[in-house]
Amino acid sequence: MARSLGSRLGVSLVRWARSLAALALLVTLLAGGPEVLPPAARAQAAAPTVAEITERLDGLYRSSGTIARVELTIATPRQTRMLRLRSWARGEERALIVIESPAREAGTATLRRDRSLWNFLPRISRTIRVPPSMMLSSWMGSDFTNDDLTQSSSYRRDFDGAVVGRSESPAGWLVRYDARPGVVGLWRRIELVVSDDGRVPVLARHFDRSMRLSRLMEFHDVAEQDGRRVPTRFVLLPQDRPGHRTEMRYLSIDFDA
């Protein structure tokens, strides 16, 4: 009987010690703040708002005057082409893209002013007005659209966004953007995975008007460019055209130039 009483007393002491340890850990967490939490818990506590993410995405490459040199690689099952471009942009209103090489396409230019778009073709010395319905068409045979290259759309203006929660693969925050009623565009929904701080895009999934996954855009090689930390390489993978791939790489970017 004495042995049984001692055994029960020992079990009670162990449980009491565990309770004290758990209480001490809780007090430490409450007193120490988010910095003492495990990494996953810290990320959960520091969830960015959709307004913060949207503002960052819309302004990622925009400024009072942005000048960039870009390399575009367009791959299809039949051939691979490479273009060197120079681009100028002013806020959300104006953008100009001029092809520098190869020589046979040098001088070809795309100009956007507000929602109006023109192409200049030096080989025939002609300027052609691009109708609004063609904003979502391919630019120079790539998987990017005229809208992609001239950045005429806006997450803030054209979509309603919400932070869905954590993404595991790739790691980050999953944000869903649904096109607002009445907005004319190619995408009904865009799902974006952004970094833990909400400042850098990692992956975008674009869904067409029938809610079919149409393309994936991967963001790579995050680096500081003229004081901003941005992805410098995009890979665009259309889901309905096997073997097609377009890669865009920033060679240099100057902001507020």
Protein backbone atom coordinates (compact mmCIF):
# COMPACT_ATOMS: atom_id res chain seq x y z
CA MET A 1 0.00 0.00 0.00
CA ALA A 2 2.84 2.38 0.85
CA ARG A 3 4.48 1.51 -2.46
CA SER A 4 1.21 2.25 -4.37
CA LEU A 5 0.79 5.57 -2.54
CA GLY A 6 4.38 6.52 -3.39
CA SER A 7 3.85 5.64 -7.03
CA ARG A 8 0.69 7.79 -7.24
CA LEU A 9 2.51 10.64 -5.52
CA GLY A 10 5.38 10.39 -8.03
CA VAL A 11 2.99 10.57 -11.01
CA SER A 12 1.28 13.61 -9.47
CA LEU A 13 4.61 15.37 -8.99
CA VAL A 14 5.59 14.71 -12.64
CA ARG A 15 2.26 16.13 -13.89
CA TRP A 16 2.63 19.16 -11.62
CA ALA A 17 6.15 19.80 -12.95
CA ARG A 18 4.95 19.58 -16.57
CA SER A 19 2.11 22.02 -15.83
CA LEU A 20 4.58 24.48 -14.31
CA ALA A 21 6.86 24.15 -17.36
CA ALA A 22 3.95 24.79 -19.75
CA LEU A 23 2.85 27.81 -17.69
CA ALA A 24 6.39 29.20 -17.68
CA LEU A 25 6.61 28.83 -21.48
CA LEU A 26 3.27 30.63 -21.95
CA VAL A 27 4.38 33.51 -19.73
CA THR A 28 7.66 33.78 -21.65
CA LEU A 29 5.85 33.92 -25.02
CA LEU A 30 3.38 36.53 -23.82
CA ALA A 31 6.09 38.67 -22.28
CA GLY A 32 8.62 38.32 -25.07
CA GLY A 33 6.39 39.10 -28.07
CA PRO A 34 6.53 37.65 -31.61
CA GLU A 35 10.33 37.47 -31.73
CA VAL A 36 10.41 34.44 -29.39
CA LEU A 37 7.88 32.48 -31.46
CA PRO A 38 8.92 29.70 -33.83
CA PRO A 39 9.44 30.84 -37.47
CA ALA A 40 6.04 29.56 -38.68
CA ALA A 41 4.24 31.28 -35.81
CA ARG A 42 6.17 34.51 -36.44
CA ALA A 43 5.10 34.46 -40.09
CA GLN A 44 1.48 33.89 -39.09
CA ALA A 45 1.63 36.78 -36.62
CA ALA A 46 3.11 39.09 -39.25
CA ALA A 47 0.59 38.41 -42.04
CA PRO A 48 0.57 41.37 -44.47
CA THR A 49 -2.77 42.92 -45.42
CA VAL A 50 -4.14 42.65 -48.95
CA ALA A 51 -3.94 46.46 -49.23
CA GLU A 52 -0.20 46.38 -48.44
CA ILE A 53 0.43 43.55 -50.90
CA THR A 54 -1.60 45.21 -53.67
CA GLU A 55 0.13 48.56 -53.26
CA ARG A 56 3.51 46.84 -53.43
CA LEU A 57 2.62 44.76 -56.51
CA ASP A 58 1.19 47.70 -58.44
CA GLY A 59 4.24 49.84 -57.69
CA LEU A 60 6.90 47.17 -57.97
CA TYR A 61 8.40 48.46 -61.24
CA ARG A 62 6.59 51.79 -61.51
CA SER A 63 7.97 55.20 -60.63
CA SER A 64 7.85 58.78 -61.86
CA GLY A 65 10.17 57.59 -64.64
CA THR A 66 11.44 54.01 -65.08
CA ILE A 67 14.10 53.09 -67.66
CA ALA A 68 15.05 49.45 -68.19
CA ARG A 69 17.04 47.20 -70.49
CA VAL A 70 15.44 43.80 -70.96
CA GLU A 71 16.29 40.49 -72.61
CA LEU A 72 13.37 38.39 -73.87
CA THR A 73 13.79 34.72 -74.83
CA ILE A 74 10.86 33.19 -76.71
CA ALA A 75 10.90 29.40 -77.04
CA THR A 76 8.51 27.26 -79.10
CA PRO A 77 8.76 23.64 -80.28
CA ARG A 78 10.11 24.94 -83.62
CA GLN A 79 12.52 27.73 -82.66
CA THR A 80 14.01 29.97 -79.99
CA ARG A 81 14.31 33.74 -80.48
CA MET A 82 15.99 36.37 -78.35
CA LEU A 83 15.14 40.08 -78.28
CA ARG A 84 16.95 42.92 -76.55
CA LEU A 85 14.65 45.79 -75.54
CA ARG A 86 14.80 49.18 -73.93
CA SER A 87 11.73 50.47 -72.13
CA TRP A 88 10.62 53.77 -70.67
CA ALA A 89 7.59 54.22 -68.40
CA ARG A 90 6.04 57.14 -66.55
CA GLY A 91 3.71 56.15 -63.72
CA GLU A 92 0.66 54.21 -64.91
CA GLU A 93 -0.10 56.46 -67.87
CA ARG A 94 2.70 56.06 -70.42
CA ALA A 95 5.07 53.37 -71.64
CA LEU A 96 7.41 52.95 -74.60
CA ILE A 97 9.23 49.76 -75.65
CA VAL A 98 11.84 49.75 -78.44
CA ILE A 99 13.54 46.63 -79.79
CA GLU A 100 17.33 47.05 -80.04
CA SER A 101 18.23 43.64 -81.48
CA PRO A 102 18.23 41.51 -83.56
CA ALA A 103 18.95 43.85 -86.45
CA ARG A 104 15.96 42.75 -88.55
CA GLU A 105 13.57 43.88 -85.79
CA ALA A 106 15.56 46.80 -84.38
CA GLY A 107 13.55 49.98 -84.12
CA THR A 108 10.18 48.25 -83.79
CA ALA A 109 8.38 50.12 -81.03
CA THR A 110 5.23 49.90 -78.90
CA LEU A 111 3.83 53.08 -77.34
CA ARG A 112 1.05 53.25 -74.76
CA ARG A 113 -0.65 56.44 -73.60
CA ASP A 114 -3.36 55.77 -71.03
CA ARG A 115 -5.44 52.97 -72.65
CA SER A 116 -4.35 53.70 -76.23
CA LEU A 117 -1.65 51.65 -77.95
CA TRP A 118 0.40 52.06 -81.13
CA ASN A 119 3.04 49.95 -82.88
CA PHE A 120 5.73 51.46 -85.11
CA LEU A 121 7.11 49.16 -87.81
CA PRO A 122 10.34 50.62 -89.25
CA ARG A 123 10.58 48.16 -92.16
CA ILE A 124 7.46 49.71 -93.72
CA SER A 125 7.78 53.08 -91.91
CA ARG A 126 4.27 52.77 -90.55
CA THR A 127 2.55 53.47 -87.24
CA ILE A 128 -0.44 51.23 -86.53
CA ARG A 129 -3.06 51.90 -83.89
CA VAL A 130 -3.76 48.77 -81.80
CA PRO A 131 -7.46 48.50 -80.88
CA PRO A 132 -8.35 47.93 -77.19
CA SER A 133 -9.48 44.40 -78.04
CA MET A 134 -5.86 43.58 -78.97
CA MET A 135 -4.38 44.65 -75.63
CA LEU A 136 -4.63 41.03 -74.53
CA SER A 137 -3.01 39.64 -77.68
CA SER A 138 0.54 38.32 -77.92
CA TRP A 139 3.36 40.87 -78.04
CA MET A 140 5.86 40.10 -80.83
CA GLY A 141 4.97 36.40 -80.86
CA SER A 142 5.83 35.93 -77.16
CA ASP A 143 3.64 34.48 -74.41
CA PHE A 144 3.41 37.97 -72.88
CA THR A 145 0.50 40.17 -73.93
CA ASN A 146 0.58 43.84 -74.93
CA ASP A 147 -0.96 44.53 -71.53
CA ASP A 148 1.83 42.61 -69.72
CA LEU A 149 4.63 44.50 -71.42
CA THR A 150 3.11 47.98 -71.11
CA GLN A 151 1.65 47.39 -67.60
CA SER A 152 -1.70 48.98 -68.36
CA SER A 153 -3.74 46.90 -65.88
CA SER A 154 -3.79 47.39 -62.11
CA TYR A 155 -4.53 44.99 -59.26
CA ARG A 156 -6.00 47.86 -57.26
CA ARG A 157 -8.24 49.17 -60.02
CA ASP A 158 -9.28 45.97 -61.83
CA PHE A 159 -9.46 43.29 -59.13
CA ASP A 160 -10.86 42.55 -55.68
CA GLY A 161 -8.20 40.86 -53.56
CA ALA A 162 -8.05 38.73 -50.43
CA VAL A 163 -5.28 36.99 -48.48
CA VAL A 164 -6.34 33.34 -48.52
CA GLY A 165 -3.67 32.02 -46.13
CA ARG A 166 -0.30 30.31 -46.16
CA SER A 167 1.13 28.56 -49.20
CA GLU A 168 3.43 25.62 -48.62
CA SER A 169 4.75 25.07 -52.14
CA PRO A 170 6.09 27.55 -52.88
CA ALA A 171 6.32 29.00 -49.38
CA GLY A 172 4.68 32.36 -48.76
CA TRP A 173 1.25 33.98 -48.63
CA LEU A 174 -1.47 33.05 -51.11
CA VAL A 175 -3.43 36.04 -52.41
CA ARG A 176 -6.48 35.71 -54.66
CA TYR A 177 -7.52 38.48 -57.07
CA ASP A 178 -10.94 38.23 -58.76
CA ALA A 179 -11.79 40.53 -61.67
CA ARG A 180 -14.30 43.19 -60.74
CA PRO A 181 -17.70 43.13 -62.50
CA GLY A 182 -17.59 45.06 -65.76
CA VAL A 183 -13.81 44.92 -66.15
CA VAL A 184 -12.84 43.80 -69.64
CA GLY A 185 -9.84 41.52 -69.45
CA LEU A 186 -8.40 38.11 -70.15
CA TRP A 187 -8.23 36.94 -66.53
CA ARG A 188 -11.15 36.11 -64.28
CA ARG A 189 -8.83 35.23 -61.40
CA ILE A 190 -5.15 35.57 -60.54
CA GLU A 191 -3.69 33.61 -57.64
CA LEU A 192 -0.41 35.01 -56.40
CA VAL A 193 2.07 33.62 -53.91
CA VAL A 194 4.12 36.40 -52.32
CA SER A 195 7.05 36.30 -49.91
CA ASP A 196 6.48 36.22 -46.14
CA ASP A 197 6.77 40.01 -45.92
CA GLY A 198 4.36 40.46 -48.84
CA ARG A 199 6.86 42.50 -50.83
CA VAL A 200 8.06 40.11 -53.53
CA PRO A 201 5.94 37.92 -55.88
CA VAL A 202 7.00 34.28 -56.13
CA LEU A 203 4.42 32.62 -58.40
CA ALA A 204 1.28 33.70 -60.28
CA ARG A 205 -1.48 31.47 -61.63
CA HIS A 206 -3.74 33.06 -64.24
CA PHE A 207 -7.26 31.70 -64.82
CA ASP A 208 -9.23 32.61 -67.94
CA ARG A 209 -12.89 33.63 -68.08
CA SER A 210 -13.93 29.96 -67.95
CA MET A 211 -11.80 29.50 -64.79
CA ARG A 212 -9.29 27.27 -66.58
CA LEU A 213 -5.67 27.57 -65.51
CA SER A 214 -4.18 29.36 -68.52
CA ARG A 215 -0.61 30.17 -67.53
CA LEU A 216 1.96 30.16 -64.76
CA MET A 217 4.41 32.97 -64.15
CA GLU A 218 7.46 32.29 -61.98
CA PHE A 219 9.54 35.08 -60.44
CA HIS A 220 13.25 34.46 -59.89
CA ASP A 221 16.59 36.09 -59.07
CA VAL A 222 15.45 38.70 -56.56
CA ALA A 223 18.07 41.46 -56.40
CA GLU A 224 18.39 45.10 -55.48
CA GLN A 225 17.96 47.38 -58.47
CA ASP A 226 18.41 51.12 -57.94
CA GLY A 227 17.38 50.83 -54.29
CA ARG A 228 14.47 48.41 -54.76
CA ARG A 229 14.44 44.66 -54.11
CA VAL A 230 12.67 43.10 -57.10
CA PRO A 231 12.63 39.88 -59.14
CA THR A 232 14.87 40.32 -62.19
CA ARG A 233 13.81 37.22 -64.12
CA PHE A 234 10.31 36.01 -65.07
CA VAL A 235 9.41 32.68 -66.64
CA LEU A 236 6.01 32.49 -68.33
CA LEU A 237 4.59 29.02 -69.01
CA PRO A 238 1.33 28.79 -70.99
CA GLN A 239 -0.65 25.77 -69.87
CA ASP A 240 -2.51 25.24 -73.15
CA ARG A 241 0.56 25.25 -75.45
CA PRO A 242 3.06 22.52 -74.60
CA GLY A 243 6.65 23.40 -75.40
CA HIS A 244 6.06 27.17 -75.31
CA ARG A 245 7.96 29.29 -72.83
CA THR A 246 8.93 32.96 -72.58
CA GLU A 247 11.62 34.25 -70.23
CA MET A 248 12.15 37.92 -69.47
CA ARG A 249 15.32 39.12 -67.74
CA TYR A 250 16.06 42.62 -66.55
CA LEU A 251 19.60 43.64 -67.41
CA SER A 252 19.27 47.02 -65.67
CA ILE A 253 16.53 49.17 -64.11
CA ASP A 254 16.62 52.85 -63.13
CA PHE A 255 13.76 54.24 -61.07
CA ASP A 256 12.66 57.89 -60.83
CA ALA A 257 15.00 58.66 -63.71
